[in-house]
């Protein structure tokens, strides 16, 4: 089985090719991928099929990426997203 190594919160995680960024969060033991903008409530992968949007994370520095819908690739950086995304450059 061909594997891919990604970084989840700075921790290397190796998974089979074809897995999602949400699967990488779970494999890394990260239950929380983001906090909500209003209350700061923790959210993490839930439906795993693109419906609930609870799995939003930062991927390679880009905010609001739906982790359950994105296939991992070698060297990908997956980081927690806290609160609302920042606007502007």
N, C-alpha and C. Protein backbone atom coordinates (compact mmCIF):
# COMPACT_ATOMS: atom_id res chain seq x y z
N UNK A 1 0.84 -1.18 0.00
CA UNK A 1 0.00 0.00 0.00
C UNK A 1 0.89 1.24 0.00
N UNK A 2 0.65 2.11 -0.95
CA UNK A 2 1.40 3.36 -1.03
C UNK A 2 0.90 4.32 0.04
N UNK A 3 1.84 4.97 0.73
CA UNK A 3 1.47 5.88 1.81
C UNK A 3 1.85 7.32 1.50
N UNK A 4 1.25 8.23 2.26
CA UNK A 4 1.47 9.67 2.14
C UNK A 4 1.69 10.19 3.55
N UNK A 5 2.67 11.09 3.71
CA UNK A 5 2.90 11.71 5.02
C UNK A 5 2.49 13.17 4.94
N UNK A 6 1.62 13.56 5.90
CA UNK A 6 1.14 14.94 6.00
C UNK A 6 1.47 15.46 7.40
N UNK A 7 1.32 16.75 7.59
CA UNK A 7 1.53 17.37 8.90
C UNK A 7 0.18 17.80 9.45
N UNK A 8 -0.14 17.33 10.65
CA UNK A 8 -1.38 17.72 11.32
C UNK A 8 -1.00 18.46 12.59
N UNK A 9 -1.18 19.79 12.56
CA UNK A 9 -0.78 20.59 13.71
C UNK A 9 0.70 20.47 14.02
N UNK A 10 1.50 20.27 12.98
CA UNK A 10 2.94 20.15 13.14
C UNK A 10 3.43 18.73 13.40
N UNK A 11 2.50 17.78 13.55
CA UNK A 11 2.85 16.39 13.82
C UNK A 11 2.75 15.58 12.53
N UNK A 12 3.82 14.84 12.16
CA UNK A 12 3.73 14.03 10.95
C UNK A 12 2.79 12.84 11.14
N UNK A 13 1.97 12.59 10.12
CA UNK A 13 1.03 11.47 10.13
C UNK A 13 1.13 10.78 8.78
N UNK A 14 1.27 9.47 8.79
CA UNK A 14 1.36 8.70 7.56
C UNK A 14 0.11 7.85 7.39
N UNK A 15 -0.51 7.97 6.22
CA UNK A 15 -1.75 7.26 5.91
C UNK A 15 -1.67 6.68 4.50
N UNK A 16 -2.54 5.73 4.18
CA UNK A 16 -2.59 5.23 2.81
C UNK A 16 -3.02 6.34 1.84
N UNK A 17 -2.43 6.33 0.66
CA UNK A 17 -2.84 7.29 -0.38
C UNK A 17 -4.33 7.14 -0.63
N UNK A 18 -5.02 8.26 -0.82
CA UNK A 18 -6.45 8.25 -1.08
C UNK A 18 -7.29 8.63 0.12
N UNK A 19 -6.67 8.68 1.31
CA UNK A 19 -7.42 9.09 2.50
C UNK A 19 -7.66 10.59 2.46
N UNK A 20 -8.55 11.07 3.33
CA UNK A 20 -8.90 12.48 3.37
C UNK A 20 -8.15 13.21 4.49
N UNK A 21 -8.19 14.53 4.41
CA UNK A 21 -7.60 15.35 5.47
C UNK A 21 -8.32 15.11 6.79
N UNK A 22 -9.62 14.84 6.76
CA UNK A 22 -10.36 14.52 7.99
C UNK A 22 -9.86 13.22 8.60
N UNK A 23 -9.56 12.23 7.78
CA UNK A 23 -9.00 10.97 8.28
C UNK A 23 -7.65 11.22 8.93
N UNK A 24 -6.87 12.15 8.37
CA UNK A 24 -5.57 12.50 8.96
C UNK A 24 -5.76 13.14 10.34
N UNK A 25 -6.79 14.00 10.49
CA UNK A 25 -7.09 14.59 11.80
C UNK A 25 -7.38 13.49 12.82
N UNK A 26 -8.23 12.56 12.45
CA UNK A 26 -8.61 11.47 13.34
C UNK A 26 -7.39 10.61 13.68
N UNK A 27 -6.58 10.27 12.67
CA UNK A 27 -5.40 9.44 12.89
C UNK A 27 -4.39 10.12 13.81
N UNK A 28 -4.36 11.46 13.77
CA UNK A 28 -3.43 12.22 14.61
C UNK A 28 -3.97 12.41 16.02
N UNK A 29 -5.20 11.96 16.26
CA UNK A 29 -5.80 12.12 17.58
C UNK A 29 -6.33 13.51 17.84
N UNK A 30 -6.57 14.25 16.76
CA UNK A 30 -7.08 15.61 16.87
C UNK A 30 -8.60 15.59 16.72
N UNK A 31 -9.32 15.72 17.83
CA UNK A 31 -10.78 15.71 17.78
C UNK A 31 -11.35 17.04 17.32
N UNK A 32 -10.57 18.11 17.46
CA UNK A 32 -11.04 19.45 17.12
C UNK A 32 -10.23 19.99 15.94
N UNK A 33 -10.93 20.33 14.85
CA UNK A 33 -10.27 20.92 13.70
C UNK A 33 -10.49 22.42 13.61
N UNK A 34 -11.50 22.91 14.34
CA UNK A 34 -11.78 24.35 14.31
C UNK A 34 -12.58 24.72 15.55
N UNK A 35 -12.68 26.02 15.79
CA UNK A 35 -13.61 26.55 16.77
C UNK A 35 -14.55 27.52 16.05
N UNK A 36 -15.76 27.64 16.55
CA UNK A 36 -16.74 28.49 15.88
C UNK A 36 -16.43 29.96 16.11
N UNK A 37 -16.79 30.82 15.14
CA UNK A 37 -16.49 32.24 15.24
C UNK A 37 -17.21 32.96 16.39
N UNK A 38 -18.43 32.58 16.71
CA UNK A 38 -19.22 33.32 17.68
C UNK A 38 -18.94 32.88 19.11
N UNK A 39 -19.04 31.58 19.37
CA UNK A 39 -18.91 31.10 20.76
C UNK A 39 -17.59 30.44 21.07
N UNK A 40 -16.81 30.11 20.04
CA UNK A 40 -15.56 29.41 20.27
C UNK A 40 -15.74 27.93 20.55
N UNK A 41 -16.93 27.40 20.27
CA UNK A 41 -17.22 25.99 20.50
C UNK A 41 -16.35 25.11 19.59
N UNK A 42 -15.85 24.00 20.11
CA UNK A 42 -15.01 23.12 19.31
C UNK A 42 -15.83 22.32 18.30
N UNK A 43 -15.27 22.13 17.12
CA UNK A 43 -15.90 21.32 16.08
C UNK A 43 -14.84 20.41 15.47
N UNK A 44 -15.28 19.27 14.98
CA UNK A 44 -14.38 18.32 14.33
C UNK A 44 -15.13 17.51 13.31
N UNK A 45 -14.45 16.59 12.63
CA UNK A 45 -15.10 15.76 11.62
C UNK A 45 -16.33 15.06 12.21
N UNK A 46 -17.45 15.16 11.51
CA UNK A 46 -18.69 14.58 12.01
C UNK A 46 -19.34 13.68 10.96
N UNK A 47 -19.84 14.25 9.89
CA UNK A 47 -20.58 13.44 8.92
C UNK A 47 -19.65 12.69 7.97
N UNK A 48 -18.48 13.23 7.73
CA UNK A 48 -17.47 12.65 6.84
C UNK A 48 -17.96 12.51 5.39
N UNK A 49 -18.95 13.31 4.99
CA UNK A 49 -19.42 13.24 3.61
C UNK A 49 -19.78 14.61 3.03
N UNK A 50 -19.29 15.68 3.64
CA UNK A 50 -19.44 17.00 3.05
C UNK A 50 -20.73 17.73 3.32
N UNK A 51 -21.53 17.28 4.28
CA UNK A 51 -22.82 17.90 4.53
C UNK A 51 -22.78 18.90 5.68
N UNK A 52 -22.09 18.59 6.77
CA UNK A 52 -22.22 19.39 8.00
C UNK A 52 -21.25 20.57 8.12
N UNK A 53 -20.14 20.56 7.41
CA UNK A 53 -19.14 21.63 7.44
C UNK A 53 -18.46 21.80 8.81
N UNK A 54 -18.58 20.82 9.69
CA UNK A 54 -17.90 20.91 10.98
C UNK A 54 -16.41 20.63 10.87
N UNK A 55 -15.95 20.11 9.76
CA UNK A 55 -14.54 19.72 9.60
C UNK A 55 -13.68 20.80 8.94
N UNK A 56 -14.14 22.05 8.90
CA UNK A 56 -13.35 23.10 8.26
C UNK A 56 -12.01 23.28 8.98
N UNK A 57 -10.94 23.32 8.21
CA UNK A 57 -9.58 23.48 8.73
C UNK A 57 -8.79 24.38 7.78
N UNK A 58 -7.55 24.67 8.18
CA UNK A 58 -6.62 25.36 7.27
C UNK A 58 -5.77 24.27 6.61
N UNK A 59 -5.68 24.32 5.30
CA UNK A 59 -4.84 23.38 4.57
C UNK A 59 -3.84 24.19 3.76
N UNK A 60 -2.58 23.95 4.04
CA UNK A 60 -1.49 24.68 3.39
C UNK A 60 -1.70 26.18 3.48
N UNK A 61 -2.22 26.64 4.62
CA UNK A 61 -2.42 28.07 4.87
C UNK A 61 -3.73 28.64 4.36
N UNK A 62 -4.52 27.85 3.63
CA UNK A 62 -5.81 28.32 3.10
C UNK A 62 -6.92 27.95 4.09
N UNK A 63 -7.71 28.94 4.56
CA UNK A 63 -8.77 28.67 5.54
C UNK A 63 -10.02 28.06 4.92
N UNK A 64 -10.89 27.56 5.79
CA UNK A 64 -12.22 27.08 5.42
C UNK A 64 -12.20 25.95 4.40
N UNK A 65 -11.24 25.05 4.54
CA UNK A 65 -11.19 23.90 3.65
C UNK A 65 -11.93 22.75 4.31
N UNK A 66 -12.80 22.12 3.58
CA UNK A 66 -13.62 21.03 4.10
C UNK A 66 -12.79 19.73 4.09
N UNK A 67 -12.28 19.38 5.27
CA UNK A 67 -11.30 18.30 5.41
C UNK A 67 -11.82 16.95 4.91
N UNK A 68 -13.10 16.68 5.07
CA UNK A 68 -13.62 15.37 4.66
C UNK A 68 -13.71 15.21 3.15
N UNK A 69 -13.60 16.30 2.42
CA UNK A 69 -13.73 16.25 0.97
C UNK A 69 -12.39 16.41 0.23
N UNK A 70 -11.30 16.55 0.98
CA UNK A 70 -10.01 16.81 0.36
C UNK A 70 -9.07 15.63 0.57
N UNK A 71 -8.62 15.07 -0.52
CA UNK A 71 -7.68 13.95 -0.48
C UNK A 71 -6.29 14.46 -0.08
N UNK A 72 -5.64 13.71 0.81
CA UNK A 72 -4.31 14.13 1.26
C UNK A 72 -3.30 13.96 0.13
N UNK A 73 -2.24 14.77 0.21
CA UNK A 73 -1.12 14.65 -0.73
C UNK A 73 0.16 14.84 0.08
N UNK A 74 1.22 14.30 -0.41
CA UNK A 74 2.51 14.34 0.28
C UNK A 74 2.88 15.77 0.69
N UNK A 75 3.23 15.94 1.97
CA UNK A 75 3.68 17.23 2.47
C UNK A 75 2.59 18.21 2.84
N UNK A 76 1.32 17.82 2.69
CA UNK A 76 0.20 18.72 3.01
C UNK A 76 0.27 19.14 4.49
N UNK A 77 -0.05 20.42 4.76
CA UNK A 77 -0.12 20.93 6.14
C UNK A 77 -1.58 21.15 6.51
N UNK A 78 -2.01 20.48 7.55
CA UNK A 78 -3.38 20.60 8.04
C UNK A 78 -3.30 21.21 9.43
N UNK A 79 -3.92 22.37 9.59
CA UNK A 79 -3.87 23.07 10.87
C UNK A 79 -5.27 23.45 11.34
N UNK A 80 -5.40 23.55 12.65
CA UNK A 80 -6.65 23.95 13.27
C UNK A 80 -7.00 25.38 12.87
N UNK A 81 -8.29 25.62 12.70
CA UNK A 81 -8.78 26.96 12.36
C UNK A 81 -9.58 27.47 13.55
N UNK A 82 -9.10 28.53 14.16
CA UNK A 82 -9.77 29.08 15.33
C UNK A 82 -10.57 30.33 14.98
N UNK A 83 -11.87 30.30 15.24
CA UNK A 83 -12.73 31.45 14.99
C UNK A 83 -12.93 31.74 13.51
N UNK A 84 -13.26 32.98 13.22
CA UNK A 84 -13.53 33.40 11.85
C UNK A 84 -12.22 33.52 11.08
N UNK A 85 -12.32 33.27 9.80
CA UNK A 85 -11.11 33.43 8.97
C UNK A 85 -10.77 34.90 8.86
N UNK A 86 -9.51 35.19 8.65
CA UNK A 86 -9.05 36.56 8.51
C UNK A 86 -9.23 37.02 7.07
N UNK A 87 -9.70 38.23 6.88
CA UNK A 87 -9.88 38.78 5.56
C UNK A 87 -8.72 39.71 5.21
N UNK A 88 -8.49 39.86 3.94
CA UNK A 88 -7.42 40.76 3.49
C UNK A 88 -6.10 40.03 3.33
N UNK A 89 -5.07 40.79 2.89
CA UNK A 89 -3.78 40.19 2.58
C UNK A 89 -2.91 40.25 3.71
